[in-house]
Amino acid sequence: MPRMLIVDDEPKITKCLSTFFSARGFAVRRVVTGRQAVAWLRYEPPDVVLLDVRMPDMSGIEVLKRAKELCPQARIIMVTALDQPELREEADAYGAVGYVTKPFDFSEATWAPVLSPS
């Protein structure tokens, strides 16, 4: 069963995503801070990380950098309300494989980097 870490400072978002991906066979862990995410990355490396860009304690880009150091094999998808080309480029440069903007839908196309990894 693939492991997923969902990182977002909005608990309602993490719960919604957790429900969606648990139903698709993922073992999901949810955290609400970047520091918690880094701790879980060390303790239980996930296969997939859904990562918010803006969090109060660490930026999503900083967590992305740490995640790629700790779990280079993990597929990381940025989940954010900020649809900014510069941010997409920075996330891509640090190894993110997807970028999903809020509010998001739950279509197969939206979540293709998670559901059908290349």
C-alpha atoms as a PDB file:
ATOM      1  CA  MET A   1       0.000   0.000   0.000  1.00  0.00           C
ATOM      2  CA  PRO A   2       1.582   3.335  -1.015  1.00  0.00           C
ATOM      3  CA  ARG A   3       2.212   5.817   1.791  1.00  0.00           C
ATOM      4  CA  MET A   4       1.132   9.478   1.500  1.00  0.00           C
ATOM      5  CA  LEU A   5       1.936  12.475   3.658  1.00  0.00           C
ATOM      6  CA  ILE A   6      -0.503  15.405   3.418  1.00  0.00           C
ATOM      7  CA  VAL A   7       0.870  18.718   4.676  1.00  0.00           C
ATOM      8  CA  ASP A   8      -1.494  21.685   4.952  1.00  0.00           C
ATOM      9  CA  ASP A   9      -2.204  24.142   7.759  1.00  0.00           C
ATOM     10  CA  GLU A  10      -5.946  23.844   7.064  1.00  0.00           C
ATOM     11  CA  PRO A  11      -7.197  20.678   8.819  1.00  0.00           C
ATOM     12  CA  LYS A  12     -10.352  20.581   6.671  1.00  0.00           C
ATOM     13  CA  ILE A  13      -8.182  20.347   3.547  1.00  0.00           C
ATOM     14  CA  THR A  14      -6.075  17.532   4.998  1.00  0.00           C
ATOM     15  CA  LYS A  15      -9.189  15.618   6.043  1.00  0.00           C
ATOM     16  CA  CYS A  16     -10.822  15.981   2.621  1.00  0.00           C
ATOM     17  CA  LEU A  17      -7.669  14.877   0.790  1.00  0.00           C
ATOM     18  CA  SER A  18      -7.132  12.037   3.246  1.00  0.00           C
ATOM     19  CA  THR A  19     -10.634  10.693   2.657  1.00  0.00           C
ATOM     20  CA  PHE A  20     -10.185  10.889  -1.124  1.00  0.00           C
ATOM     21  CA  PHE A  21      -6.808   9.140  -1.225  1.00  0.00           C
ATOM     22  CA  SER A  22      -7.548   6.574   1.493  1.00  0.00           C
ATOM     23  CA  ALA A  23     -10.443   5.384  -0.656  1.00  0.00           C
ATOM     24  CA  ARG A  24      -7.928   4.893  -3.474  1.00  0.00           C
ATOM     25  CA  GLY A  25      -5.624   2.634  -1.498  1.00  0.00           C
ATOM     26  CA  PHE A  26      -3.179   5.060   0.107  1.00  0.00           C
ATOM     27  CA  ALA A  27      -2.063   4.841   3.721  1.00  0.00           C
ATOM     28  CA  VAL A  28      -2.358   8.511   4.651  1.00  0.00           C
ATOM     29  CA  ARG A  29      -0.660  10.540   7.370  1.00  0.00           C
ATOM     30  CA  ARG A  30      -1.828  14.155   7.875  1.00  0.00           C
ATOM     31  CA  VAL A  31       0.153  17.000   9.436  1.00  0.00           C
ATOM     32  CA  VAL A  32      -0.527  20.732   9.712  1.00  0.00           C
ATOM     33  CA  THR A  33       2.976  22.244   9.945  1.00  0.00           C
ATOM     34  CA  GLY A  34       6.174  22.076   7.978  1.00  0.00           C
ATOM     35  CA  ARG A  35       8.126  20.990  11.045  1.00  0.00           C
ATOM     36  CA  GLN A  36       5.770  18.061  11.592  1.00  0.00           C
ATOM     37  CA  ALA A  37       6.222  17.138   7.942  1.00  0.00           C
ATOM     38  CA  VAL A  38      10.017  17.076   8.216  1.00  0.00           C
ATOM     39  CA  ALA A  39       9.770  14.916  11.347  1.00  0.00           C
ATOM     40  CA  TRP A  40       7.514  12.402   9.547  1.00  0.00           C
ATOM     41  CA  LEU A  41       9.756  12.408   6.490  1.00  0.00           C
ATOM     42  CA  ARG A  42      12.577  11.204   8.739  1.00  0.00           C
ATOM     43  CA  TYR A  43      10.456   8.707  10.667  1.00  0.00           C
ATOM     44  CA  GLU A  44       8.279   7.210   7.939  1.00  0.00           C
ATOM     45  CA  PRO A  45       9.348   8.110   4.377  1.00  0.00           C
ATOM     46  CA  PRO A  46       6.281   8.425   2.144  1.00  0.00           C
ATOM     47  CA  ASP A  47       5.876   7.542  -1.502  1.00  0.00           C
ATOM     48  CA  VAL A  48       3.840  10.704  -2.170  1.00  0.00           C
ATOM     49  CA  VAL A  49       3.694  14.094  -0.452  1.00  0.00           C
ATOM     50  CA  LEU A  50       0.882  16.602  -0.994  1.00  0.00           C
ATOM     51  CA  LEU A  51       2.414  19.849   0.187  1.00  0.00           C
ATOM     52  CA  ASP A  52       0.853  23.265   0.755  1.00  0.00           C
ATOM     53  CA  VAL A  53       3.002  26.194  -0.364  1.00  0.00           C
ATOM     54  CA  ARG A  54       2.068  28.615   2.415  1.00  0.00           C
ATOM     55  CA  MET A  55       2.274  27.521   6.029  1.00  0.00           C
ATOM     56  CA  PRO A  56       2.948  29.600   9.126  1.00  0.00           C
ATOM     57  CA  ASP A  57       6.103  27.870  10.347  1.00  0.00           C
ATOM     58  CA  MET A  58       8.004  26.902   7.161  1.00  0.00           C
ATOM     59  CA  SER A  59       7.380  27.592   3.519  1.00  0.00           C
ATOM     60  CA  GLY A  60       6.304  24.703   1.358  1.00  0.00           C
ATOM     61  CA  ILE A  61       9.366  25.289  -0.813  1.00  0.00           C
ATOM     62  CA  GLU A  62      11.611  24.833   2.230  1.00  0.00           C
ATOM     63  CA  VAL A  63       9.784  21.617   3.137  1.00  0.00           C
ATOM     64  CA  LEU A  64      10.105  20.510  -0.512  1.00  0.00           C
ATOM     65  CA  LYS A  65      13.887  20.997  -0.382  1.00  0.00           C
ATOM     66  CA  ARG A  66      14.151  19.021   2.860  1.00  0.00           C
ATOM     67  CA  ALA A  67      11.845  16.306   1.538  1.00  0.00           C
ATOM     68  CA  LYS A  68      13.977  15.768  -1.563  1.00  0.00           C
ATOM     69  CA  GLU A  69      17.066  15.452   0.666  1.00  0.00           C
ATOM     70  CA  LEU A  70      15.405  13.013   3.070  1.00  0.00           C
ATOM     71  CA  CYS A  71      13.237  11.076   0.585  1.00  0.00           C
ATOM     72  CA  PRO A  72      14.575  11.609  -2.936  1.00  0.00           C
ATOM     73  CA  GLN A  73      12.246   8.921  -4.331  1.00  0.00           C
ATOM     74  CA  ALA A  74       9.065  10.613  -3.037  1.00  0.00           C
ATOM     75  CA  ARG A  75       6.727  12.227  -5.571  1.00  0.00           C
ATOM     76  CA  ILE A  76       5.858  15.684  -4.307  1.00  0.00           C
ATOM     77  CA  ILE A  77       2.821  17.595  -5.491  1.00  0.00           C
ATOM     78  CA  MET A  78       2.364  21.194  -4.413  1.00  0.00           C
ATOM     79  CA  VAL A  79      -1.194  22.061  -3.341  1.00  0.00           C
ATOM     80  CA  THR A  80      -1.854  25.786  -3.147  1.00  0.00           C
ATOM     81  CA  ALA A  81      -4.192  28.706  -3.672  1.00  0.00           C
ATOM     82  CA  LEU A  82      -1.310  30.596  -5.281  1.00  0.00           C
ATOM     83  CA  ASP A  83      -1.219  30.022  -9.017  1.00  0.00           C
ATOM     84  CA  GLN A  84       1.989  31.905  -9.745  1.00  0.00           C
ATOM     85  CA  PRO A  85       4.301  30.938 -12.620  1.00  0.00           C
ATOM     86  CA  GLU A  86       7.428  31.809 -10.592  1.00  0.00           C
ATOM     87  CA  LEU A  87       6.297  29.548  -7.781  1.00  0.00           C
ATOM     88  CA  ARG A  88       5.597  26.690 -10.198  1.00  0.00           C
ATOM     89  CA  GLU A  89       9.070  27.107 -11.703  1.00  0.00           C
ATOM     90  CA  GLU A  90      10.707  27.121  -8.283  1.00  0.00           C
ATOM     91  CA  ALA A  91       8.764  24.029  -7.198  1.00  0.00           C
ATOM     92  CA  ASP A  92       9.708  22.271 -10.458  1.00  0.00           C
ATOM     93  CA  ALA A  93      13.361  23.223  -9.977  1.00  0.00           C
ATOM     94  CA  TYR A  94      13.390  21.592  -6.543  1.00  0.00           C
ATOM     95  CA  GLY A  95      11.757  18.399  -7.755  1.00  0.00           C
ATOM     96  CA  ALA A  96       7.979  18.765  -7.420  1.00  0.00           C
ATOM     97  CA  VAL A  97       6.172  16.592  -9.975  1.00  0.00           C
ATOM     98  CA  GLY A  98       2.852  18.426  -9.868  1.00  0.00           C
ATOM     99  CA  TYR A  99       1.127  21.630  -8.864  1.00  0.00           C
ATOM    100  CA  VAL A 100      -2.582  21.622  -7.974  1.00  0.00           C
ATOM    101  CA  THR A 101      -4.408  24.861  -7.212  1.00  0.00           C
ATOM    102  CA  LYS A 102      -7.189  25.381  -4.690  1.00  0.00           C
ATOM    103  CA  PRO A 103     -10.060  25.166  -4.892  1.00  0.00           C
ATOM    104  CA  PHE A 104      -9.414  21.874  -6.631  1.00  0.00           C
ATOM    105  CA  ASP A 105     -11.612  19.210  -8.043  1.00  0.00           C
ATOM    106  CA  PHE A 106     -11.257  15.490  -7.572  1.00  0.00           C
ATOM    107  CA  SER A 107     -10.950  14.468 -11.206  1.00  0.00           C
ATOM    108  CA  GLU A 108      -8.455  11.910 -12.428  1.00  0.00           C
ATOM    109  CA  ALA A 109      -6.780  14.588 -14.569  1.00  0.00           C
ATOM    110  CA  THR A 110      -6.188  16.891 -11.598  1.00  0.00           C
ATOM    111  CA  TRP A 111      -4.532  14.167  -9.546  1.00  0.00           C
ATOM    112  CA  ALA A 112      -2.728  12.336 -12.374  1.00  0.00           C
ATOM    113  CA  PRO A 113       0.760  12.863 -10.826  1.00  0.00           C
ATOM    114  CA  VAL A 114      -0.455  10.929  -7.778  1.00  0.00           C
ATOM    115  CA  LEU A 115      -2.762   8.336  -9.286  1.00  0.00           C
ATOM    116  CA  SER A 116      -0.740   7.528 -12.428  1.00  0.00           C
ATOM    117  CA  PRO A 117       2.919   8.238 -11.725  1.00  0.00           C
ATOM    118  CA  SER A 118       5.212   8.143 -14.725  1.00  0.00           C
END
